[in-house]
Amino acid sequence: MRFGPPVCFVYKPLRYARDNHEAYLARYARPGVEAVLVGMNPGPFGMVQTGVPFGDAELARGWLGIHGPVGSPDEVHPRRPVEGFSCARREVSGQRLWGWARDRFGTPDAFFARLFVLNYCPLAFLEESGRNRTPDKLPAEERKELFEACDRALAQTIDWLSPGLVVGIGAFAEQRAREALDEKRYQFGRILHPSPANPAANRGWAPQAESQFEALGFALGR
């Protein structure tokens, strides 16, 4: 695939951070989970750095127990270096998501016994300024080929995980899941995306997400 302006750099963490991503899958992915949470694509200070979805370095290392070497993209934006687990900048979305999982479930095993987290698209797109460009903002002809590949991968992954509930983390991920998957086989829903760019998420993301889980019939327990 080729991506044109305004995208100038494409990061592929499933290549340069593959060992960490595989460690995440090997340790935590299991068939028969109750729900799968689907994010959009790697964040510049999360999965781009660690290879773990929403992978804020501190929580990926300290709570998920994943901490391995990270390589480098083929071409690196000077304002967006890949520093791996040495990245000092926090991924706010990852802090909120994995911080909530830790506070609610206590241990990773307790969380992943019921849920799993993945991203719809494995690529990160950077503009010349260093700004992150999300897949939904790509030109239509680029989206078509990309979404076809991501739809196939999501369908295969969800088929193996075999959840009852597929939850989009944000509207885009919910829409793509509905497009890619059999609506007769799965229940679909959405929770608020934890990004600080989402004004609603800055007004207490975790309580809102919990209310949305409850509305979907997913009992979190106390």
C-alpha atoms as a PDB file:
ATOM      1  CA  MET A   1       0.000   0.000   0.000  1.00  0.00           C
ATOM      2  CA  ARG A   2       1.069   3.577  -0.603  1.00  0.00           C
ATOM      3  CA  PHE A   3      -0.101   6.637   1.290  1.00  0.00           C
ATOM      4  CA  GLY A   4       0.257  10.149  -0.074  1.00  0.00           C
ATOM      5  CA  PRO A   5       0.229  13.642   1.416  1.00  0.00           C
ATOM      6  CA  PRO A   6      -0.571  14.826   3.977  1.00  0.00           C
ATOM      7  CA  VAL A   7       0.808  11.510   5.308  1.00  0.00           C
ATOM      8  CA  CYS A   8       4.619  11.560   5.123  1.00  0.00           C
ATOM      9  CA  PHE A   9       5.576   8.723   7.485  1.00  0.00           C
ATOM     10  CA  VAL A  10       3.957   5.354   8.157  1.00  0.00           C
ATOM     11  CA  TYR A  11       5.041   3.475  11.286  1.00  0.00           C
ATOM     12  CA  LYS A  12       4.576  -0.307  11.434  1.00  0.00           C
ATOM     13  CA  PRO A  13       4.978  -1.443  15.046  1.00  0.00           C
ATOM     14  CA  LEU A  14       4.038  -5.021  14.181  1.00  0.00           C
ATOM     15  CA  ARG A  15       7.441  -5.135  12.460  1.00  0.00           C
ATOM     16  CA  TYR A  16       9.852  -3.175  14.618  1.00  0.00           C
ATOM     17  CA  ALA A  17       8.120  -4.038  17.932  1.00  0.00           C
ATOM     18  CA  ARG A  18       6.912  -7.466  16.886  1.00  0.00           C
ATOM     19  CA  ASP A  19       8.403  -9.395  19.815  1.00  0.00           C
ATOM     20  CA  ASN A  20       6.461  -7.315  22.316  1.00  0.00           C
ATOM     21  CA  HIS A  21       3.239  -7.635  20.344  1.00  0.00           C
ATOM     22  CA  GLU A  22       3.674 -11.379  20.116  1.00  0.00           C
ATOM     23  CA  ALA A  23       4.384 -11.527  23.858  1.00  0.00           C
ATOM     24  CA  TYR A  24       1.123  -9.655  24.472  1.00  0.00           C
ATOM     25  CA  LEU A  25      -0.810 -12.109  22.289  1.00  0.00           C
ATOM     26  CA  ALA A  26       0.872 -15.207  23.693  1.00  0.00           C
ATOM     27  CA  ARG A  27       0.343 -14.154  27.273  1.00  0.00           C
ATOM     28  CA  TYR A  28      -3.165 -12.742  27.152  1.00  0.00           C
ATOM     29  CA  ALA A  29      -5.148 -13.740  24.033  1.00  0.00           C
ATOM     30  CA  ARG A  30      -7.441 -16.659  24.671  1.00  0.00           C
ATOM     31  CA  PRO A  31     -10.562 -17.945  22.910  1.00  0.00           C
ATOM     32  CA  GLY A  32     -13.918 -17.679  24.614  1.00  0.00           C
ATOM     33  CA  VAL A  33     -13.576 -14.242  26.210  1.00  0.00           C
ATOM     34  CA  GLU A  34     -16.782 -12.413  27.001  1.00  0.00           C
ATOM     35  CA  ALA A  35     -15.881  -9.208  25.134  1.00  0.00           C
ATOM     36  CA  VAL A  36     -13.242  -7.820  22.808  1.00  0.00           C
ATOM     37  CA  LEU A  37     -12.468  -4.097  22.886  1.00  0.00           C
ATOM     38  CA  VAL A  38     -11.438  -2.744  19.485  1.00  0.00           C
ATOM     39  CA  GLY A  39      -9.378   0.439  19.216  1.00  0.00           C
ATOM     40  CA  MET A  40      -8.582   2.435  16.096  1.00  0.00           C
ATOM     41  CA  ASN A  41      -4.805   2.324  15.455  1.00  0.00           C
ATOM     42  CA  PRO A  42      -1.504   2.781  17.327  1.00  0.00           C
ATOM     43  CA  GLY A  43      -1.047   5.976  19.313  1.00  0.00           C
ATOM     44  CA  PRO A  44       2.276   7.837  18.934  1.00  0.00           C
ATOM     45  CA  PHE A  45       3.237   7.353  22.593  1.00  0.00           C
ATOM     46  CA  GLY A  46       1.579   3.972  23.075  1.00  0.00           C
ATOM     47  CA  MET A  47       1.668   1.076  20.634  1.00  0.00           C
ATOM     48  CA  VAL A  48       4.033   3.014  18.365  1.00  0.00           C
ATOM     49  CA  GLN A  49       6.568   2.850  21.209  1.00  0.00           C
ATOM     50  CA  THR A  50       5.864  -0.548  22.757  1.00  0.00           C
ATOM     51  CA  GLY A  51       3.996  -2.755  20.276  1.00  0.00           C
ATOM     52  CA  VAL A  52       1.157  -3.184  22.787  1.00  0.00           C
ATOM     53  CA  PRO A  53      -2.327  -1.809  22.013  1.00  0.00           C
ATOM     54  CA  PHE A  54      -2.835   1.395  24.039  1.00  0.00           C
ATOM     55  CA  GLY A  55       0.613   0.492  25.358  1.00  0.00           C
ATOM     56  CA  ASP A  56       1.661   3.329  27.612  1.00  0.00           C
ATOM     57  CA  ALA A  57       5.233   2.308  28.448  1.00  0.00           C
ATOM     58  CA  GLU A  58       4.865   2.486  32.221  1.00  0.00           C
ATOM     59  CA  LEU A  59       1.692   0.409  32.377  1.00  0.00           C
ATOM     60  CA  ALA A  60       2.777  -2.044  29.676  1.00  0.00           C
ATOM     61  CA  ARG A  61       5.926  -2.718  31.667  1.00  0.00           C
ATOM     62  CA  GLY A  62       4.627  -2.374  35.218  1.00  0.00           C
ATOM     63  CA  TRP A  63       1.152  -3.907  34.979  1.00  0.00           C
ATOM     64  CA  LEU A  64       1.084  -6.034  31.831  1.00  0.00           C
ATOM     65  CA  GLY A  65       4.633  -7.246  32.448  1.00  0.00           C
ATOM     66  CA  ILE A  66       5.809  -6.689  28.872  1.00  0.00           C
ATOM     67  CA  HIS A  67       9.174  -5.030  28.406  1.00  0.00           C
ATOM     68  CA  GLY A  68      11.326  -6.048  25.473  1.00  0.00           C
ATOM     69  CA  PRO A  69      13.625  -4.439  22.929  1.00  0.00           C
ATOM     70  CA  VAL A  70      12.076  -2.245  20.255  1.00  0.00           C
ATOM     71  CA  GLY A  71      13.593  -1.553  16.863  1.00  0.00           C
ATOM     72  CA  SER A  72      12.991   1.412  14.600  1.00  0.00           C
ATOM     73  CA  PRO A  73      10.697   2.250  11.688  1.00  0.00           C
ATOM     74  CA  ASP A  74      12.298   2.327   8.258  1.00  0.00           C
ATOM     75  CA  GLU A  75      11.915   6.108   8.197  1.00  0.00           C
ATOM     76  CA  VAL A  76      11.566   8.144  11.387  1.00  0.00           C
ATOM     77  CA  HIS A  77       9.982  11.557  11.751  1.00  0.00           C
ATOM     78  CA  PRO A  78      12.484  13.742  13.648  1.00  0.00           C
ATOM     79  CA  ARG A  79       9.722  14.905  15.995  1.00  0.00           C
ATOM     80  CA  ARG A  80       8.394  11.410  16.635  1.00  0.00           C
ATOM     81  CA  PRO A  81      11.318   9.144  17.542  1.00  0.00           C
ATOM     82  CA  VAL A  82      10.631   5.602  18.654  1.00  0.00           C
ATOM     83  CA  GLU A  83      12.259   5.223  22.061  1.00  0.00           C
ATOM     84  CA  GLY A  84      10.558   2.020  23.139  1.00  0.00           C
ATOM     85  CA  PHE A  85      10.122   1.589  26.856  1.00  0.00           C
ATOM     86  CA  SER A  86      12.457   4.530  27.449  1.00  0.00           C
ATOM     87  CA  CYS A  87       9.751   6.869  26.139  1.00  0.00           C
ATOM     88  CA  ALA A  88       9.134   9.378  28.915  1.00  0.00           C
ATOM     89  CA  ARG A  89       5.949  10.791  27.436  1.00  0.00           C
ATOM     90  CA  ARG A  90       2.803   9.070  28.654  1.00  0.00           C
ATOM     91  CA  GLU A  91       0.056   7.778  26.376  1.00  0.00           C
ATOM     92  CA  VAL A  92      -3.036   9.296  27.977  1.00  0.00           C
ATOM     93  CA  SER A  93      -5.456   6.904  26.268  1.00  0.00           C
ATOM     94  CA  GLY A  94      -3.372   3.981  27.520  1.00  0.00           C
ATOM     95  CA  GLN A  95      -3.105   5.439  31.007  1.00  0.00           C
ATOM     96  CA  ARG A  96      -6.868   5.691  31.164  1.00  0.00           C
ATOM     97  CA  LEU A  97      -7.674   2.299  29.636  1.00  0.00           C
ATOM     98  CA  TRP A  98      -5.072   0.131  31.345  1.00  0.00           C
ATOM     99  CA  GLY A  99      -5.250   2.192  34.536  1.00  0.00           C
ATOM    100  CA  TRP A 100      -8.967   1.483  34.681  1.00  0.00           C
ATOM    101  CA  ALA A 101      -8.389  -2.223  33.979  1.00  0.00           C
ATOM    102  CA  ARG A 102      -5.865  -2.382  36.811  1.00  0.00           C
ATOM    103  CA  ASP A 103      -8.089  -0.527  39.262  1.00  0.00           C
ATOM    104  CA  ARG A 104     -11.226  -2.475  38.372  1.00  0.00           C
ATOM    105  CA  PHE A 105      -9.839  -6.012  37.930  1.00  0.00           C
ATOM    106  CA  GLY A 106      -6.664  -5.949  40.029  1.00  0.00           C
ATOM    107  CA  THR A 107      -4.536  -8.339  37.970  1.00  0.00           C
ATOM    108  CA  PRO A 108      -4.029  -8.786  34.227  1.00  0.00           C
ATOM    109  CA  ASP A 109      -5.185 -12.401  34.493  1.00  0.00           C
ATOM    110  CA  ALA A 110      -8.502 -11.301  35.980  1.00  0.00           C
ATOM    111  CA  PHE A 111      -9.010  -8.730  33.227  1.00  0.00           C
ATOM    112  CA  PHE A 112      -8.011 -10.964  30.312  1.00  0.00           C
ATOM    113  CA  ALA A 113     -10.095 -13.867  31.581  1.00  0.00           C
ATOM    114  CA  ARG A 114     -13.075 -11.785  30.471  1.00  0.00           C
ATOM    115  CA  LEU A 115     -11.820  -9.221  27.930  1.00  0.00           C
ATOM    116  CA  PHE A 116      -9.199  -8.628  25.289  1.00  0.00           C
ATOM    117  CA  VAL A 117      -7.965  -5.406  23.653  1.00  0.00           C
ATOM    118  CA  LEU A 118      -6.766  -5.011  20.068  1.00  0.00           C
ATOM    119  CA  ASN A 119      -6.508  -2.364  17.373  1.00  0.00           C
ATOM    120  CA  TYR A 120      -8.395  -2.421  14.088  1.00  0.00           C
ATOM    121  CA  CYS A 121      -5.511  -0.957  12.060  1.00  0.00           C
ATOM    122  CA  PRO A 122      -1.855  -1.766  12.891  1.00  0.00           C
ATOM    123  CA  LEU A 123      -0.364   1.310  11.209  1.00  0.00           C
ATOM    124  CA  ALA A 124       0.318   4.829  12.489  1.00  0.00           C
ATOM    125  CA  PHE A 125       0.264   7.761  10.074  1.00  0.00           C
ATOM    126  CA  LEU A 126       2.220  10.971  10.596  1.00  0.00           C
ATOM    127  CA  GLU A 127       1.952  14.236   8.731  1.00  0.00           C
ATOM    128  CA  GLU A 128       4.949  16.433   7.910  1.00  0.00           C
ATOM    129  CA  SER A 129       4.346  18.442  11.093  1.00  0.00           C
ATOM    130  CA  GLY A 130       4.469  15.274  13.192  1.00  0.00           C
ATOM    131  CA  ARG A 131       0.729  15.355  13.750  1.00  0.00           C
ATOM    132  CA  ASN A 132      -0.967  11.978  14.026  1.00  0.00           C
ATOM    133  CA  ARG A 133      -3.469  11.323  11.221  1.00  0.00           C
ATOM    134  CA  THR A 134      -6.132   8.733  11.989  1.00  0.00           C
ATOM    135  CA  PRO A 135      -7.219   6.169   9.365  1.00  0.00           C
ATOM    136  CA  ASP A 136     -10.683   7.662   8.985  1.00  0.00           C
ATOM    137  CA  LYS A 137      -9.080  10.882   7.690  1.00  0.00           C
ATOM    138  CA  LEU A 138      -7.215   9.185   4.826  1.00  0.00           C
ATOM    139  CA  PRO A 139      -8.392   9.748   1.230  1.00  0.00           C
ATOM    140  CA  ALA A 140     -11.176   7.414   0.119  1.00  0.00           C
ATOM    141  CA  GLU A 141      -9.031   5.430  -2.322  1.00  0.00           C
ATOM    142  CA  GLU A 142      -6.416   4.778   0.388  1.00  0.00           C
ATOM    143  CA  ARG A 143      -9.046   3.870   2.966  1.00  0.00           C
ATOM    144  CA  LYS A 144     -10.620   1.282   0.677  1.00  0.00           C
ATOM    145  CA  GLU A 145      -7.545  -0.921   0.316  1.00  0.00           C
ATOM    146  CA  LEU A 146      -6.493  -0.434   3.924  1.00  0.00           C
ATOM    147  CA  PHE A 147      -9.937  -1.188   5.347  1.00  0.00           C
ATOM    148  CA  GLU A 148     -10.319  -4.321   3.230  1.00  0.00           C
ATOM    149  CA  ALA A 149      -7.121  -5.739   4.712  1.00  0.00           C
ATOM    150  CA  CYS A 150      -7.992  -4.649   8.251  1.00  0.00           C
ATOM    151  CA  ASP A 151     -11.516  -6.049   7.939  1.00  0.00           C
ATOM    152  CA  ARG A 152     -10.126  -9.460   6.985  1.00  0.00           C
ATOM    153  CA  ALA A 153      -7.638  -9.452   9.851  1.00  0.00           C
ATOM    154  CA  LEU A 154     -10.272  -8.365  12.368  1.00  0.00           C
ATOM    155  CA  ALA A 155     -12.705 -11.042  11.197  1.00  0.00           C
ATOM    156  CA  GLN A 156     -10.074 -13.770  11.532  1.00  0.00           C
ATOM    157  CA  THR A 157      -8.992 -12.567  14.974  1.00  0.00           C
ATOM    158  CA  ILE A 158     -12.508 -12.200  16.339  1.00  0.00           C
ATOM    159  CA  ASP A 159     -13.425 -15.613  14.944  1.00  0.00           C
ATOM    160  CA  TRP A 160     -10.565 -17.129  16.965  1.00  0.00           C
ATOM    161  CA  LEU A 161     -11.291 -15.152  20.139  1.00  0.00           C
ATOM    162  CA  SER A 162     -15.002 -15.987  19.790  1.00  0.00           C
ATOM    163  CA  PRO A 163     -16.473 -13.348  22.119  1.00  0.00           C
ATOM    164  CA  GLY A 164     -20.159 -12.708  22.591  1.00  0.00           C
ATOM    165  CA  LEU A 165     -19.666  -8.939  22.601  1.00  0.00           C
ATOM    166  CA  VAL A 166     -17.516  -6.722  20.358  1.00  0.00           C
ATOM    167  CA  VAL A 167     -17.060  -3.216  21.731  1.00  0.00           C
ATOM    168  CA  GLY A 168     -15.699  -0.368  19.675  1.00  0.00           C
ATOM    169  CA  ILE A 169     -13.530   2.054  21.613  1.00  0.00           C
ATOM    170  CA  GLY A 170     -15.077   5.040  19.883  1.00  0.00           C
ATOM    171  CA  ALA A 171     -17.489   5.342  16.963  1.00  0.00           C
ATOM    172  CA  PHE A 172     -14.988   4.542  14.200  1.00  0.00           C
ATOM    173  CA  ALA A 173     -13.989   1.180  15.683  1.00  0.00           C
ATOM    174  CA  GLU A 174     -17.604   0.197  16.300  1.00  0.00           C
ATOM    175  CA  GLN A 175     -18.516   1.034  12.699  1.00  0.00           C
ATOM    176  CA  ARG A 176     -15.592  -0.955  11.276  1.00  0.00           C
ATOM    177  CA  ALA A 177     -16.413  -3.943  13.481  1.00  0.00           C
ATOM    178  CA  ARG A 178     -19.996  -3.938  12.278  1.00  0.00           C
ATOM    179  CA  GLU A 179     -18.804  -3.748   8.663  1.00  0.00           C
ATOM    180  CA  ALA A 180     -16.247  -6.535   9.069  1.00  0.00           C
ATOM    181  CA  LEU A 181     -18.160  -9.011  11.228  1.00  0.00           C
ATOM    182  CA  ASP A 182     -21.357 -11.056  11.067  1.00  0.00           C
ATOM    183  CA  GLU A 183     -24.020  -9.050  12.883  1.00  0.00           C
ATOM    184  CA  LYS A 184     -26.015 -12.232  13.474  1.00  0.00           C
ATOM    185  CA  ARG A 185     -23.145 -13.821  15.386  1.00  0.00           C
ATOM    186  CA  TYR A 186     -21.996 -10.999  17.665  1.00  0.00           C
ATOM    187  CA  GLN A 187     -23.495  -8.304  19.823  1.00  0.00           C
ATOM    188  CA  PHE A 188     -21.958  -4.884  19.159  1.00  0.00           C
ATOM    189  CA  GLY A 189     -21.554  -1.804  21.264  1.00  0.00           C
ATOM    190  CA  ARG A 190     -19.393   1.206  21.958  1.00  0.00           C
ATOM    191  CA  ILE A 191     -17.619   2.896  24.818  1.00  0.00           C
ATOM    192  CA  LEU A 192     -16.177   6.377  24.912  1.00  0.00           C
ATOM    193  CA  HIS A 193     -12.695   6.713  23.458  1.00  0.00           C
ATOM    194  CA  PRO A 194     -10.246   7.712  26.239  1.00  0.00           C
ATOM    195  CA  SER A 195      -8.248  10.129  24.083  1.00  0.00           C
ATOM    196  CA  PRO A 196      -7.609  13.570  25.612  1.00  0.00           C
ATOM    197  CA  ALA A 197      -8.677  14.947  22.211  1.00  0.00           C
ATOM    198  CA  ASN A 198     -12.188  13.787  23.121  1.00  0.00           C
ATOM    199  CA  PRO A 199     -13.668  16.486  25.409  1.00  0.00           C
ATOM    200  CA  ALA A 200     -16.126  14.055  26.993  1.00  0.00           C
ATOM    201  CA  ALA A 201     -13.295  11.710  28.008  1.00  0.00           C
ATOM    202  CA  ASN A 202     -11.674  14.535  29.975  1.00  0.00           C
ATOM    203  CA  ARG A 203     -14.705  14.685  32.241  1.00  0.00           C
ATOM    204  CA  GLY A 204     -14.062  11.362  33.947  1.00  0.00           C
ATOM    205  CA  TRP A 205     -13.564   8.647  31.356  1.00  0.00           C
ATOM    206  CA  ALA A 206     -13.734   5.568  33.596  1.00  0.00           C
ATOM    207  CA  PRO A 207     -17.178   6.203  35.182  1.00  0.00           C
ATOM    208  CA  GLN A 208     -18.668   6.938  31.769  1.00  0.00           C
ATOM    209  CA  ALA A 209     -17.140   3.812  30.240  1.00  0.00           C
ATOM    210  CA  GLU A 210     -18.421   1.700  33.121  1.00  0.00           C
ATOM    211  CA  SER A 211     -21.942   3.048  32.637  1.00  0.00           C
ATOM    212  CA  GLN A 212     -21.716   2.183  28.952  1.00  0.00           C
ATOM    213  CA  PHE A 213     -20.551  -1.359  29.754  1.00  0.00           C
ATOM    214  CA  GLU A 214     -23.498  -1.781  32.100  1.00  0.00           C
ATOM    215  CA  ALA A 215     -25.885  -0.496  29.413  1.00  0.00           C
ATOM    216  CA  LEU A 216     -24.529  -3.177  27.074  1.00  0.00           C
ATOM    217  CA  GLY A 217     -25.341  -5.837  29.665  1.00  0.00           C
ATOM    218  CA  PHE A 218     -21.710  -6.466  30.560  1.00  0.00           C
ATOM    219  CA  ALA A 219     -21.627  -6.795  34.343  1.00  0.00           C
ATOM    220  CA  LEU A 220     -18.296  -5.545  35.665  1.00  0.00           C
ATOM    221  CA  GLY A 221     -18.855  -6.744  39.223  1.00  0.00           C
ATOM    222  CA  ARG A 222     -17.835  -4.995  42.400  1.00  0.00           C
END
